Protein backbone atom coordinates (compact mmCIF):
# COMPACT_ATOMS: atom_id res chain seq x y z
CA MET A 1 131.21 39.07 -11.90
CA LYS A 2 131.34 38.39 -8.20
CA ASP A 3 129.67 41.67 -7.55
CA GLU A 4 126.68 40.76 -9.61
CA ALA A 5 126.14 37.47 -8.09
CA LYS A 6 126.11 39.24 -4.56
CA ASP A 7 123.48 41.55 -5.99
CA ILE A 8 121.22 38.71 -6.97
CA ALA A 9 121.67 36.85 -3.57
CA ILE A 10 121.03 40.20 -1.76
CA GLN A 11 117.60 40.73 -3.85
CA THR A 12 116.67 37.04 -3.31
CA THR A 13 117.05 37.48 0.36
CA GLU A 14 115.20 40.91 0.67
CA ALA A 15 112.00 38.94 -1.22
CA GLN A 16 111.98 36.01 1.07
CA ALA A 17 112.42 38.44 3.93
CA ALA A 18 109.24 40.59 2.82
CA PRO A 19 106.43 40.58 5.63
CA GLU A 20 103.77 38.35 5.40
CA GLY A 21 101.07 40.98 5.45
CA GLU A 22 102.58 42.43 1.92
CA ALA A 23 102.48 38.95 0.26
CA ALA A 24 98.99 38.38 1.65
CA ALA A 25 97.77 41.45 0.10
CA LYS A 26 99.19 40.58 -3.30
CA ALA A 27 97.90 37.31 -3.04
CA PRO A 28 94.18 37.18 -4.80
CA ALA A 29 91.23 36.29 -2.47
CA LYS A 30 89.89 32.75 -2.45
CA LYS A 31 86.37 32.63 -3.69
CA LYS A 32 83.74 30.76 -1.75
CA ARG A 33 82.32 27.74 -3.37
CA PRO A 34 78.50 27.71 -4.20
CA ARG A 35 76.79 25.04 -2.05
CA SER A 36 76.26 22.15 -4.21
CA SER A 37 72.75 20.70 -5.51
CA LYS A 38 73.59 17.76 -3.19
CA ALA A 39 73.86 19.65 0.02
CA LYS A 40 70.73 21.29 -0.63
CA GLY A 41 69.16 18.11 -1.56
CA THR A 42 70.26 16.75 2.01
CA ASN A 43 69.03 19.73 3.77
CA ALA A 44 65.39 19.57 2.03
CA ASN A 45 65.17 15.77 2.66
CA ALA A 46 66.25 16.65 6.48
CA ALA A 47 63.19 19.21 6.58
CA LEU A 48 60.92 17.01 4.95
CA GLU A 49 61.99 14.15 7.31
CA ALA A 50 61.65 16.44 10.53
CA ARG A 51 57.82 17.35 9.69
CA ILE A 52 57.03 13.69 8.84
CA GLY A 53 58.75 12.61 12.15
CA HIS A 54 60.90 9.77 10.53
CA SER A 55 64.33 9.79 9.84
CA PHE A 56 65.15 7.58 6.76
CA ALA A 57 67.82 4.91 6.79
CA ASP A 58 67.29 4.55 2.99
CA PRO A 59 66.43 8.55 1.80
CA ASN A 60 65.61 6.76 -1.90
CA MET A 61 62.44 5.50 -0.17
CA LEU A 62 60.89 8.78 0.87
CA MET A 63 61.95 10.25 -2.72
CA GLN A 64 60.08 7.32 -4.36
CA ALA A 65 57.21 7.95 -2.22
CA ILE A 66 56.54 11.49 -3.30
CA THR A 67 57.55 11.11 -6.82
CA HIS A 68 54.75 10.88 -9.64
CA VAL A 69 54.87 9.11 -12.72
CA SER A 70 55.16 12.16 -14.86
CA ALA A 71 58.59 12.84 -13.24
CA LEU A 72 59.98 9.54 -14.06
CA LYS A 73 62.99 9.78 -16.41
CA SER A 74 62.72 7.64 -19.83
CA GLY A 75 63.39 3.90 -19.20
CA ARG A 76 62.39 4.07 -15.63
CA LYS A 77 59.57 1.70 -14.53
CA ARG A 78 56.19 2.89 -13.03
CA GLY A 79 57.24 1.16 -9.96
CA ASP A 80 59.81 3.55 -9.25
CA SER A 81 57.07 6.28 -8.56
CA TYR A 82 54.66 6.28 -5.46
CA GLN A 83 52.25 3.87 -6.71
CA ARG A 84 53.31 0.87 -5.26
CA LEU A 85 53.96 2.16 -1.92
CA GLU A 86 50.56 3.84 -2.01
CA PHE A 87 49.51 0.34 -2.18
CA LEU A 88 51.14 -0.99 0.65
CA GLY A 89 50.57 2.13 2.97
CA ASP A 90 46.81 1.90 2.35
CA HIS A 91 46.54 -1.35 4.02
CA VAL A 92 49.03 -0.48 6.85
CA LEU A 93 47.20 2.40 7.56
CA GLY A 94 43.65 0.21 7.46
CA LEU A 95 45.50 -2.07 10.00
CA VAL A 96 46.92 0.78 12.58
CA VAL A 97 43.76 2.70 12.47
CA SER A 98 41.64 -0.74 13.16
CA ASP A 99 43.81 -1.52 15.99
CA MET A 100 43.37 2.27 17.13
CA LEU A 101 39.75 2.05 17.01
CA TYR A 102 39.68 -1.50 18.64
CA HIS A 103 41.21 -0.26 21.68
CA ALA A 104 39.56 3.20 21.98
CA PHE A 105 35.91 2.05 21.44
CA PRO A 106 35.49 -0.73 23.70
CA ASN A 107 31.64 -0.74 23.52
CA ALA A 108 31.43 -0.27 19.86
CA ASP A 109 30.06 -3.14 17.80
CA GLU A 110 31.30 -4.00 14.24
CA GLY A 111 29.08 -1.68 12.57
CA GLU A 112 30.48 1.36 14.32
CA LEU A 113 33.80 0.29 13.79
CA SER A 114 33.40 -0.12 10.22
CA LYS A 115 31.80 3.10 9.81
CA ARG A 116 34.26 5.01 11.86
CA LEU A 117 37.31 3.15 9.89
CA ALA A 118 36.00 4.02 6.47
CA GLU A 119 35.90 7.62 7.64
CA LEU A 120 39.51 7.83 9.08
CA VAL A 121 41.03 5.93 6.02
CA ARG A 122 39.11 7.93 3.12
CA LYS A 123 41.04 9.80 0.48
CA GLU A 124 40.01 13.19 1.72
CA SER A 125 41.28 12.57 5.37
CA CYS A 126 44.46 11.50 4.04
CA ALA A 127 44.91 14.41 1.98
CA ASP A 128 44.03 16.35 5.16
CA VAL A 129 47.05 14.75 6.98
CA ALA A 130 49.38 15.58 3.87
CA LYS A 131 48.15 19.13 3.94
CA SER A 132 48.67 19.67 7.75
CA LEU A 133 52.49 18.11 6.88
CA GLY A 134 53.16 20.65 4.26
CA LEU A 135 53.64 17.48 1.52
CA VAL A 136 51.83 19.37 -1.34
CA ASP A 137 55.18 21.35 -2.43
CA ASP A 138 57.25 18.35 -1.97
CA ILE A 139 55.60 16.19 -4.50
CA LYS A 140 57.63 15.63 -7.47
CA LEU A 141 56.12 16.03 -10.81
CA GLY A 142 57.09 16.34 -14.51
CA SER A 143 56.44 18.92 -17.18
CA VAL A 144 52.55 19.05 -16.86
CA GLY A 145 51.81 22.82 -16.98
CA SER A 146 51.23 25.28 -14.52
CA SER A 147 47.53 24.76 -14.02
CA ALA A 148 47.68 21.06 -14.43
CA ASP A 149 50.51 20.99 -11.82
CA ALA A 150 48.42 22.55 -9.18
CA ARG A 151 45.15 20.14 -9.86
CA LEU A 152 47.37 17.12 -10.09
CA ARG A 153 49.19 18.06 -6.79
CA LYS A 154 45.70 18.44 -5.00
CA SER A 155 43.96 15.27 -6.35
CA ILE A 156 47.02 12.99 -5.56
CA LEU A 157 47.68 14.07 -2.05
CA GLY A 158 45.78 11.56 -0.42
CA ASP A 159 47.89 9.05 -2.23
CA ILE A 160 51.28 10.37 -1.26
CA CYS A 161 50.49 10.25 2.36
CA GLU A 162 49.49 6.52 1.78
CA ALA A 163 52.85 6.06 0.17
CA VAL A 164 54.59 8.07 2.75
CA ILE A 165 53.12 5.37 5.32
CA GLY A 166 54.26 2.60 3.11
CA ALA A 167 57.89 4.00 2.70
CA ILE A 168 57.80 4.67 6.41
CA TYR A 169 56.97 0.77 6.97
CA LEU A 170 59.42 -0.70 4.89
CA ASP A 171 61.99 1.42 6.20
CA GLY A 172 61.23 1.52 9.69
CA GLY A 173 59.14 -1.37 10.58
CA HIS A 174 55.31 -1.74 11.84
CA ALA A 175 56.40 0.29 14.85
CA ALA A 176 57.49 3.28 12.98
CA ALA A 177 54.62 3.35 10.65
CA ALA A 178 52.10 2.72 13.69
CA GLU A 179 53.70 5.83 15.68
CA PHE A 180 53.28 8.00 12.23
CA VAL A 181 49.51 7.14 12.06
CA LYS A 182 48.78 7.57 15.82
CA ARG A 183 50.44 10.92 15.88
CA ASN A 184 48.55 12.22 12.80
CA TRP A 185 45.21 10.10 13.36
CA THR A 186 44.34 9.98 16.86
CA GLU A 187 42.82 13.37 17.24
CA ARG A 188 40.69 12.98 14.23
CA MET A 189 39.65 9.39 15.52
CA HIS A 190 38.01 11.06 18.47
CA LYS A 191 36.57 14.01 16.54
CA PRO A 192 35.17 12.66 13.23
CA ARG A 193 34.04 15.40 10.86
CA ARG A 194 31.04 13.67 9.85
CA PRO A 195 28.16 12.11 12.25
CA LEU A 196 28.67 8.51 12.17
CA ARG A 197 25.16 7.81 13.13
CA ASP A 198 21.88 8.98 14.13
CA PRO A 199 22.00 10.23 17.46
CA LYS A 200 18.67 8.93 18.31
CA THR A 201 19.24 5.41 17.05
CA VAL A 202 22.53 5.51 19.09
CA LEU A 203 20.21 6.85 22.30
CA GLN A 204 17.88 4.26 21.82
CA GLU A 205 20.33 1.05 21.56
CA TRP A 206 22.14 2.17 24.69
CA ALA A 207 19.14 2.59 26.59
CA GLN A 208 18.02 -0.87 25.50
CA GLY A 209 21.24 -2.04 26.85
CA LYS A 210 20.52 -0.59 29.89
CA GLY A 211 17.40 -2.23 30.02
CA LEU A 212 15.38 1.13 29.82
CA PRO A 213 12.37 1.77 27.61
CA THR A 214 12.47 3.73 24.27
CA PRO A 215 13.63 7.31 24.89
CA VAL A 216 10.62 9.65 24.87
CA TYR A 217 10.63 12.98 23.01
CA ARG A 218 8.30 15.98 24.05
CA GLU A 219 7.78 19.56 22.61
CA VAL A 220 8.30 22.09 25.23
CA GLU A 221 8.18 24.95 23.41
CA ARG A 222 7.72 26.57 19.80
CA THR A 223 8.69 29.94 18.78
CA GLY A 224 9.11 32.24 15.69
CA PRO A 225 6.89 32.85 12.68
CA HIS A 226 4.77 30.26 10.93
CA HIS A 227 7.26 30.16 7.89
CA ASP A 228 10.35 30.05 10.19
CA PRO A 229 9.59 28.30 13.41
CA GLN A 230 12.15 26.75 16.37
CA PHE A 231 11.59 23.96 18.30
CA ARG A 232 12.64 23.03 21.42
CA VAL A 233 12.28 19.25 22.44
CA ALA A 234 13.34 17.41 25.64
CA VAL A 235 14.24 13.83 25.83
CA ASP A 236 13.15 11.70 28.81
CA LEU A 237 14.66 8.30 30.04
CA PRO A 238 13.93 6.85 33.60
CA GLY A 239 16.50 7.57 36.31
CA LEU A 240 18.13 10.30 34.10
CA ALA A 241 17.73 14.41 33.59
CA PRO A 242 16.04 15.53 30.70
CA ALA A 243 18.17 16.63 27.79
CA GLU A 244 16.90 19.54 25.59
CA GLY A 245 17.58 20.68 21.88
CA ILE A 246 16.52 23.41 19.71
CA GLY A 247 16.08 22.90 15.71
CA GLY A 248 14.02 24.29 12.86
CA SER A 249 12.13 21.36 12.93
CA LYS A 250 11.00 18.66 15.66
CA ARG A 251 13.22 16.01 14.21
CA ALA A 252 16.07 18.36 14.05
CA ALA A 253 15.49 19.39 18.05
CA GLU A 254 14.90 15.79 18.76
CA LYS A 255 18.54 15.00 17.38
CA VAL A 256 20.11 17.71 19.40
CA ALA A 257 18.50 16.67 22.40
CA ALA A 258 19.63 13.21 21.83
CA SER A 259 22.95 14.39 21.14
CA VAL A 260 23.18 16.37 24.22
CA MET A 261 22.13 13.35 26.39
CA ILE A 262 24.59 11.09 24.76
CA GLU A 263 27.56 13.47 25.46
CA ARG A 264 26.29 14.28 28.92
CA GLU A 265 26.34 10.49 29.70
CA GLY A 266 29.28 9.21 28.00
CA VAL A 267 27.56 7.15 25.53
CA GLY A 268 29.83 5.17 22.93
CA GLY A 269 28.70 5.79 19.34
CA GLY A 270 28.50 9.70 18.94
CA ASN A 271 30.68 11.95 17.50
CA ASP A 272 33.07 11.84 20.45
CA GLY A 273 32.69 8.19 21.23
């Protein structure tokens, strides 16, 4: 009996003294845990916030801003979608852009400022900003079909952009929302896509304000065949060098000439203000 006990003790000691490498080789390798959906969601939010340029204290606010009604689960209210934030963002955008215009164009009257404002806050302009930020792929939609999905994303882009502004306003205050708008609208403000006013009218009003007579337009040259003429027209104002423009009609050439003088003299009210 004593010899058997001695053999058992020796075997136990030998097992304990086995090299660590051998024990490690026998142990099964640990499997890597897949990244949780929560971690992926956090990274996606961080990337979205980076594109927007605002880190949200309340990430749920941003999620609401990009959630369409169709994506809401049963029992949730329409107010949990982007719609209420869009309402708020629309008015925040209008206020911030109005302030930007007021300071950027000190010589513009109320009518001109109103036209500029309308151009900058229209849905198409907001949609352009949303596209530039890559928001189209972030919109959360329900099951509406692939073709309807694409159409819906495009149609609500402007609304989503306004909702994001509303979310930034609630999360970070007026200063944060104003910073977002200025960053994305300043260049558009100085280079509107569409003419705001007839350049001939702008030049005439400017001349009157300077005590000058009405600008005089004169045909300098007509070229090309009868069915497709090209007119070169000059506009004259006392004390200023003439400005010329070319167009397919006299009126078109006059507008170009007026635009050239407006830009040269730095007249407010043209496309570049």
